[in-house]
Protein backbone atom coordinates (compact mmCIF):
# COMPACT_ATOMS: atom_id res chain seq x y z
CA MET A 1 18.68 38.92 -24.97
CA ILE A 2 15.08 39.27 -23.83
CA GLN A 3 12.20 38.24 -26.03
CA VAL A 4 8.51 37.86 -25.29
CA ASN A 5 6.63 34.89 -26.72
CA ASN A 6 2.98 33.88 -26.49
CA ALA A 7 3.57 30.25 -25.59
CA TYR A 8 6.17 28.06 -23.94
CA ALA A 9 6.54 26.00 -27.15
CA GLU A 10 7.47 29.21 -29.00
CA VAL A 11 10.25 29.83 -26.47
CA ILE A 12 11.63 26.32 -26.95
CA ASN A 13 11.39 26.57 -30.76
CA HIS A 14 13.07 29.99 -30.83
CA ILE A 15 15.99 28.85 -28.68
CA ALA A 16 16.39 25.71 -30.81
CA GLU A 17 16.44 27.84 -33.94
CA VAL A 18 19.00 30.30 -32.57
CA GLU A 19 21.22 27.74 -30.82
CA GLY A 20 20.92 24.91 -33.33
CA VAL A 21 19.89 22.49 -30.60
CA GLU A 22 16.75 22.15 -28.49
CA PRO A 23 17.25 23.45 -24.94
CA LYS A 24 17.01 21.18 -21.93
CA THR A 25 14.15 22.17 -19.66
CA ILE A 26 14.34 22.57 -15.90
CA ALA A 27 11.09 22.85 -13.95
CA THR A 28 10.69 24.03 -10.38
CA CYS A 29 8.37 22.55 -7.81
CA ALA A 30 7.75 23.02 -4.09
CA ARG A 31 7.30 19.25 -3.65
CA GLN A 32 10.23 16.93 -2.99
CA ALA A 33 10.56 14.01 -5.43
CA PRO A 34 13.18 11.29 -5.89
CA ALA A 35 14.07 12.57 -9.37
CA ASN A 36 14.87 16.13 -8.20
CA ILE A 37 18.30 17.44 -9.10
CA SER A 38 20.35 19.44 -6.63
CA TYR A 39 21.43 23.04 -7.08
CA GLN A 40 25.04 21.83 -7.22
CA LYS A 41 24.28 19.43 -10.09
CA CYS A 42 22.32 22.14 -11.91
CA ARG A 43 25.22 24.63 -11.49
CA THR A 44 27.55 22.07 -13.05
CA MET A 45 25.14 21.47 -15.95
CA LEU A 46 24.87 25.20 -16.67
CA LYS A 47 28.64 25.39 -17.16
CA ASP A 48 28.47 23.14 -20.25
CA ASN A 49 27.37 26.09 -22.44
CA LYS A 50 24.31 24.23 -23.73
CA PRO A 51 20.95 26.01 -23.74
CA TYR A 52 18.61 25.53 -20.78
CA VAL A 53 15.18 26.92 -19.94
CA LEU A 54 14.25 27.33 -16.28
CA ALA A 55 10.48 27.39 -15.69
CA LEU A 56 9.01 28.80 -12.48
CA GLY A 57 5.35 28.54 -11.58
CA THR A 58 3.07 31.03 -9.88
CA ALA A 59 0.11 30.57 -7.54
CA TRP A 60 -0.41 26.77 -7.46
CA GLY A 61 2.82 26.14 -9.40
CA LEU A 62 3.42 24.31 -12.63
CA SER A 63 1.05 21.52 -13.59
CA GLN A 64 2.12 17.93 -12.99
CA GLU A 65 1.92 17.37 -16.75
CA PHE A 66 4.35 20.26 -17.36
CA ILE A 67 6.73 19.04 -14.64
CA SER A 68 6.66 15.47 -15.99
CA ALA A 69 7.57 16.72 -19.46
CA ALA A 70 10.63 18.62 -18.20
CA ASP A 71 14.09 17.14 -18.63
CA TYR A 72 14.94 17.98 -15.01
CA VAL A 73 13.14 19.13 -11.87
CA LEU A 74 15.09 21.29 -9.46
CA GLU A 75 14.92 20.40 -5.78
CA PRO A 76 12.56 22.59 -3.74
CA ILE A 77 13.79 25.48 -1.64
CA ALA A 78 14.00 24.09 1.87
CA GLY A 79 13.51 26.16 4.99
CA LYS A 80 13.49 25.41 8.69
CA THR A 81 9.79 24.51 8.70
CA ASP A 82 7.48 22.42 6.50
CA TYR A 83 6.11 25.60 4.90
CA ASN A 84 7.74 25.87 1.47
CA HIS A 85 5.58 28.20 -0.60
CA LEU A 86 7.13 31.49 -1.65
CA SER A 87 6.18 34.23 -4.05
CA VAL A 88 7.67 33.54 -7.47
CA ARG A 89 9.88 36.64 -7.11
CA SER A 90 11.31 35.41 -3.83
CA ALA A 91 11.80 31.89 -5.16
CA ALA A 92 13.45 33.21 -8.33
CA ALA A 93 15.88 35.33 -6.31
CA ILE A 94 16.87 32.38 -4.13
CA ILE A 95 17.17 29.99 -7.08
CA PHE A 96 19.27 32.37 -9.18
CA ASP A 97 21.53 33.10 -6.22
CA ARG A 98 22.04 29.36 -5.62
CA LEU A 99 22.72 28.73 -9.31
CA MET A 100 24.69 31.83 -10.29
CA GLY A 101 25.90 33.39 -7.03
CA GLN A 102 29.33 33.19 -5.50
CA GLN A 103 30.22 29.79 -4.15
């Protein structure tokens, strides 16, 4: 199901209403942090049939306040160089492949 909302809080509230439980939130960030979760751990979490919301940032990314409020922060996409900034479409494709693609 696809639905457009005006605010992130509306998305969370709608999912909670439909699912009967508030979704866990997963933020993305290009910066490495000790609390990042791996793609493997996230794949395992997604199999539990609980609702999750994956938030991807554009331009300068998600604010630190938004990232700090998330339940989880996914590890950054690592390449062969220190450069780790991708268009959101490219990052989304890589992330979804790592989370939902064939293993």
